[in-house]
Amino acid sequence: MARNEALLRLHKTLVARRDELRERFNRDQFLETHSRAGESLGDVADMAFDTGSEEVNSQLAQLESRELAQIDLSIRKLKQGSYGTCEGCSKKIPIARLNALPFSTMCIECQRELEEYGSLEGRGVKGDWGKVDDSFAMDEKNVSISELEMDLSK
């Protein structure tokens, strides 16, 4: 029963964060629309600062958009009853992890594995970058560009 209560608290946290992000997005859209109308021309330094600020704001909006999508997915999973189940190993994600990152879809072990190997399918198999191209002898470590052939007809 304690897990169910924790999941209900997490649901409230997710909904509150979702609403906060949506409100911020709408406010930013409103401000951007209305600030363009009264925009004045400044010197080169002002334009450079504005460009830098727009880039930072764009990147923040992109991060918040991803977070919002992850939160929406988590809320759907809560309604379906699959929230808190690891997508990698199907075990329950510990409540402590969900408290830290409420929209987490994997347990710590599977997340680490995904980050280390690039997928969950390569479990226990580390890539050997020395064998990416085995057309050269293993004892040959240095290859010059002139030794490589390229087919440019394609």
C-alpha atoms as a PDB file:
ATOM      1  CA  MET A   1       0.000   0.000   0.000  1.00  0.00           C
ATOM      2  CA  ALA A   2       2.919   2.343   0.653  1.00  0.00           C
ATOM      3  CA  ARG A   3       3.983   2.117  -3.004  1.00  0.00           C
ATOM      4  CA  ASN A   4       0.469   3.053  -4.161  1.00  0.00           C
ATOM      5  CA  GLU A   5       0.463   6.104  -1.891  1.00  0.00           C
ATOM      6  CA  ALA A   6       3.876   7.111  -3.194  1.00  0.00           C
ATOM      7  CA  LEU A   7       2.643   6.720  -6.771  1.00  0.00           C
ATOM      8  CA  LEU A   8      -0.335   8.969  -6.004  1.00  0.00           C
ATOM      9  CA  ARG A   9       2.028  11.625  -4.615  1.00  0.00           C
ATOM     10  CA  LEU A  10       4.181  11.279  -7.719  1.00  0.00           C
ATOM     11  CA  HIS A  11       1.088  11.703  -9.894  1.00  0.00           C
ATOM     12  CA  LYS A  12       0.371  15.017  -8.164  1.00  0.00           C
ATOM     13  CA  THR A  13       4.007  16.057  -8.652  1.00  0.00           C
ATOM     14  CA  LEU A  14       3.892  15.157 -12.352  1.00  0.00           C
ATOM     15  CA  VAL A  15       0.618  17.008 -12.931  1.00  0.00           C
ATOM     16  CA  ALA A  16       1.903  20.101 -11.111  1.00  0.00           C
ATOM     17  CA  ARG A  17       5.128  20.117 -13.153  1.00  0.00           C
ATOM     18  CA  ARG A  18       3.198  19.558 -16.388  1.00  0.00           C
ATOM     19  CA  ASP A  19       0.908  22.481 -15.617  1.00  0.00           C
ATOM     20  CA  GLU A  20       3.902  24.670 -14.713  1.00  0.00           C
ATOM     21  CA  LEU A  21       5.662  23.851 -17.992  1.00  0.00           C
ATOM     22  CA  ARG A  22       2.526  24.461 -20.050  1.00  0.00           C
ATOM     23  CA  GLU A  23       1.935  27.804 -18.326  1.00  0.00           C
ATOM     24  CA  ARG A  24       5.567  28.831 -18.895  1.00  0.00           C
ATOM     25  CA  PHE A  25       5.366  27.793 -22.537  1.00  0.00           C
ATOM     26  CA  ASN A  26       2.177  29.805 -23.095  1.00  0.00           C
ATOM     27  CA  ARG A  27       3.629  32.849 -21.279  1.00  0.00           C
ATOM     28  CA  ASP A  28       6.849  32.678 -23.309  1.00  0.00           C
ATOM     29  CA  GLN A  29       4.884  32.420 -26.555  1.00  0.00           C
ATOM     30  CA  PHE A  30       2.786  35.426 -25.549  1.00  0.00           C
ATOM     31  CA  LEU A  31       5.828  37.506 -24.597  1.00  0.00           C
ATOM     32  CA  GLU A  32       7.691  36.562 -27.778  1.00  0.00           C
ATOM     33  CA  THR A  33       4.736  37.513 -29.952  1.00  0.00           C
ATOM     34  CA  HIS A  34       4.198  40.850 -28.233  1.00  0.00           C
ATOM     35  CA  SER A  35       7.857  41.814 -27.816  1.00  0.00           C
ATOM     36  CA  ARG A  36       8.527  41.538 -31.554  1.00  0.00           C
ATOM     37  CA  ALA A  37       6.010  44.282 -32.289  1.00  0.00           C
ATOM     38  CA  GLY A  38       7.797  46.913 -30.191  1.00  0.00           C
ATOM     39  CA  GLU A  39      11.314  45.854 -31.092  1.00  0.00           C
ATOM     40  CA  SER A  40      13.733  48.729 -31.588  1.00  0.00           C
ATOM     41  CA  LEU A  41      16.948  48.682 -33.497  1.00  0.00           C
ATOM     42  CA  GLY A  42      20.104  48.847 -31.422  1.00  0.00           C
ATOM     43  CA  ASP A  43      23.781  48.662 -32.074  1.00  0.00           C
ATOM     44  CA  VAL A  44      25.713  45.555 -33.045  1.00  0.00           C
ATOM     45  CA  ALA A  45      26.357  44.612 -29.414  1.00  0.00           C
ATOM     46  CA  ASP A  46      22.624  44.712 -28.652  1.00  0.00           C
ATOM     47  CA  MET A  47      21.860  42.514 -31.627  1.00  0.00           C
ATOM     48  CA  ALA A  48      24.596  40.037 -30.622  1.00  0.00           C
ATOM     49  CA  PHE A  49      23.241  39.892 -27.078  1.00  0.00           C
ATOM     50  CA  ASP A  50      19.688  39.387 -28.360  1.00  0.00           C
ATOM     51  CA  THR A  51      20.832  36.616 -30.682  1.00  0.00           C
ATOM     52  CA  GLY A  52      22.659  34.860 -27.840  1.00  0.00           C
ATOM     53  CA  SER A  53      19.650  35.210 -25.558  1.00  0.00           C
ATOM     54  CA  GLU A  54      17.340  33.831 -28.232  1.00  0.00           C
ATOM     55  CA  GLU A  55      19.628  30.812 -28.693  1.00  0.00           C
ATOM     56  CA  VAL A  56      19.679  30.077 -24.950  1.00  0.00           C
ATOM     57  CA  ASN A  57      15.904  30.526 -24.724  1.00  0.00           C
ATOM     58  CA  SER A  58      15.440  28.208 -27.701  1.00  0.00           C
ATOM     59  CA  GLN A  59      17.567  25.498 -26.093  1.00  0.00           C
ATOM     60  CA  LEU A  60      15.712  25.856 -22.775  1.00  0.00           C
ATOM     61  CA  ALA A  61      12.386  25.603 -24.591  1.00  0.00           C
ATOM     62  CA  GLN A  62      13.591  22.449 -26.330  1.00  0.00           C
ATOM     63  CA  LEU A  63      14.611  20.858 -23.010  1.00  0.00           C
ATOM     64  CA  GLU A  64      11.310  21.819 -21.407  1.00  0.00           C
ATOM     65  CA  SER A  65       9.421  20.439 -24.393  1.00  0.00           C
ATOM     66  CA  ARG A  66      11.185  17.077 -23.994  1.00  0.00           C
ATOM     67  CA  GLU A  67      10.482  17.084 -20.271  1.00  0.00           C
ATOM     68  CA  LEU A  68       6.821  17.847 -20.946  1.00  0.00           C
ATOM     69  CA  ALA A  69       6.592  14.913 -23.377  1.00  0.00           C
ATOM     70  CA  GLN A  70       8.193  12.600 -20.805  1.00  0.00           C
ATOM     71  CA  ILE A  71       5.790  13.822 -18.120  1.00  0.00           C
ATOM     72  CA  ASP A  72       2.784  13.266 -20.393  1.00  0.00           C
ATOM     73  CA  LEU A  73       4.012   9.731 -21.083  1.00  0.00           C
ATOM     74  CA  SER A  74       4.425   9.078 -17.353  1.00  0.00           C
ATOM     75  CA  ILE A  75       0.913  10.320 -16.607  1.00  0.00           C
ATOM     76  CA  ARG A  76      -0.488   8.030 -19.327  1.00  0.00           C
ATOM     77  CA  LYS A  77       1.458   5.115 -17.840  1.00  0.00           C
ATOM     78  CA  LEU A  78       0.054   5.924 -14.403  1.00  0.00           C
ATOM     79  CA  LYS A  79      -3.475   5.747 -15.798  1.00  0.00           C
ATOM     80  CA  GLN A  80      -2.676   2.437 -17.542  1.00  0.00           C
ATOM     81  CA  GLY A  81      -1.060   0.998 -14.403  1.00  0.00           C
ATOM     82  CA  SER A  82       2.369   0.509 -15.961  1.00  0.00           C
ATOM     83  CA  TYR A  83       4.080   3.507 -14.338  1.00  0.00           C
ATOM     84  CA  GLY A  84       7.110   2.648 -12.243  1.00  0.00           C
ATOM     85  CA  THR A  85       7.964  -0.478 -14.227  1.00  0.00           C
ATOM     86  CA  CYS A  86      11.378  -0.522 -15.894  1.00  0.00           C
ATOM     87  CA  GLU A  87      11.215  -0.667 -19.691  1.00  0.00           C
ATOM     88  CA  GLY A  88      14.468  -2.632 -19.739  1.00  0.00           C
ATOM     89  CA  CYS A  89      14.032  -5.413 -17.209  1.00  0.00           C
ATOM     90  CA  SER A  90      10.323  -5.072 -16.269  1.00  0.00           C
ATOM     91  CA  LYS A  91      11.179  -4.804 -12.561  1.00  0.00           C
ATOM     92  CA  LYS A  92       9.693  -2.131 -10.336  1.00  0.00           C
ATOM     93  CA  ILE A  93      11.659   1.120 -10.348  1.00  0.00           C
ATOM     94  CA  PRO A  94      12.487   2.054  -6.737  1.00  0.00           C
ATOM     95  CA  ILE A  95      10.388   4.887  -5.311  1.00  0.00           C
ATOM     96  CA  ALA A  96      13.566   6.773  -4.373  1.00  0.00           C
ATOM     97  CA  ARG A  97      14.507   6.945  -8.073  1.00  0.00           C
ATOM     98  CA  LEU A  98      11.008   8.017  -9.059  1.00  0.00           C
ATOM     99  CA  ASN A  99      11.081  10.723  -6.386  1.00  0.00           C
ATOM    100  CA  ALA A 100      14.356  12.015  -7.835  1.00  0.00           C
ATOM    101  CA  LEU A 101      13.245  11.718 -11.459  1.00  0.00           C
ATOM    102  CA  PRO A 102       9.460  11.203 -11.624  1.00  0.00           C
ATOM    103  CA  PHE A 103       9.407  10.630 -15.393  1.00  0.00           C
ATOM    104  CA  SER A 104      12.096   7.952 -15.325  1.00  0.00           C
ATOM    105  CA  THR A 105      11.241   4.902 -17.421  1.00  0.00           C
ATOM    106  CA  MET A 106      14.170   2.687 -16.379  1.00  0.00           C
ATOM    107  CA  CYS A 107      15.825   1.473 -13.233  1.00  0.00           C
ATOM    108  CA  ILE A 108      19.330   2.723 -12.541  1.00  0.00           C
ATOM    109  CA  GLU A 109      20.998  -0.467 -13.786  1.00  0.00           C
ATOM    110  CA  CYS A 110      19.207  -0.463 -17.141  1.00  0.00           C
ATOM    111  CA  GLN A 111      19.742   3.284 -17.576  1.00  0.00           C
ATOM    112  CA  ARG A 112      23.475   2.862 -16.944  1.00  0.00           C
ATOM    113  CA  GLU A 113      23.609   0.010 -19.415  1.00  0.00           C
ATOM    114  CA  LEU A 114      21.776   2.055 -22.025  1.00  0.00           C
ATOM    115  CA  GLU A 115      24.185   4.953 -21.565  1.00  0.00           C
ATOM    116  CA  GLU A 116      27.262   2.718 -21.604  1.00  0.00           C
ATOM    117  CA  TYR A 117      26.414   0.404 -24.495  1.00  0.00           C
ATOM    118  CA  GLY A 118      23.940   2.506 -26.456  1.00  0.00           C
ATOM    119  CA  SER A 119      21.222  -0.128 -26.171  1.00  0.00           C
ATOM    120  CA  LEU A 120      19.921  -2.778 -23.827  1.00  0.00           C
ATOM    121  CA  GLU A 121      20.507  -5.495 -26.408  1.00  0.00           C
ATOM    122  CA  GLY A 122      24.280  -5.446 -25.990  1.00  0.00           C
ATOM    123  CA  ARG A 123      24.163  -6.434 -22.348  1.00  0.00           C
ATOM    124  CA  GLY A 124      27.539  -7.505 -21.112  1.00  0.00           C
ATOM    125  CA  VAL A 125      29.145  -7.005 -24.518  1.00  0.00           C
ATOM    126  CA  LYS A 126      31.362  -3.971 -24.796  1.00  0.00           C
ATOM    127  CA  GLY A 127      32.168  -2.737 -28.258  1.00  0.00           C
ATOM    128  CA  ASP A 128      35.729  -3.165 -29.467  1.00  0.00           C
ATOM    129  CA  TRP A 129      36.541  -0.077 -31.505  1.00  0.00           C
ATOM    130  CA  GLY A 130      39.801  -1.686 -32.579  1.00  0.00           C
ATOM    131  CA  LYS A 131      37.798  -4.116 -34.707  1.00  0.00           C
ATOM    132  CA  VAL A 132      35.584  -1.609 -36.495  1.00  0.00           C
ATOM    133  CA  ASP A 133      37.450  -2.207 -39.734  1.00  0.00           C
ATOM    134  CA  ASP A 134      39.038  -5.627 -39.874  1.00  0.00           C
ATOM    135  CA  SER A 135      40.287  -5.268 -43.454  1.00  0.00           C
ATOM    136  CA  PHE A 136      43.706  -4.309 -42.105  1.00  0.00           C
ATOM    137  CA  ALA A 137      46.009  -6.631 -40.234  1.00  0.00           C
ATOM    138  CA  MET A 138      45.644  -6.378 -36.457  1.00  0.00           C
ATOM    139  CA  ASP A 139      49.311  -5.453 -36.002  1.00  0.00           C
ATOM    140  CA  GLU A 140      48.952  -2.462 -38.353  1.00  0.00           C
ATOM    141  CA  LYS A 141      48.015   0.450 -36.118  1.00  0.00           C
ATOM    142  CA  ASN A 142      48.732   3.411 -38.391  1.00  0.00           C
ATOM    143  CA  VAL A 143      46.917   3.869 -41.658  1.00  0.00           C
ATOM    144  CA  SER A 144      47.490   6.740 -44.038  1.00  0.00           C
ATOM    145  CA  ILE A 145      44.742   8.289 -46.089  1.00  0.00           C
ATOM    146  CA  SER A 146      46.501   7.330 -49.307  1.00  0.00           C
ATOM    147  CA  GLU A 147      46.031   3.635 -48.411  1.00  0.00           C
ATOM    148  CA  LEU A 148      42.267   4.003 -48.305  1.00  0.00           C
ATOM    149  CA  GLU A 149      40.222   3.501 -51.433  1.00  0.00           C
ATOM    150  CA  MET A 150      36.956   5.247 -51.978  1.00  0.00           C
ATOM    151  CA  ASP A 151      34.295   4.360 -54.523  1.00  0.00           C
ATOM    152  CA  LEU A 152      32.928   7.708 -55.697  1.00  0.00           C
ATOM    153  CA  SER A 153      30.725   6.196 -58.402  1.00  0.00           C
ATOM    154  CA  LYS A 154      27.766   5.806 -56.043  1.00  0.00           C
END
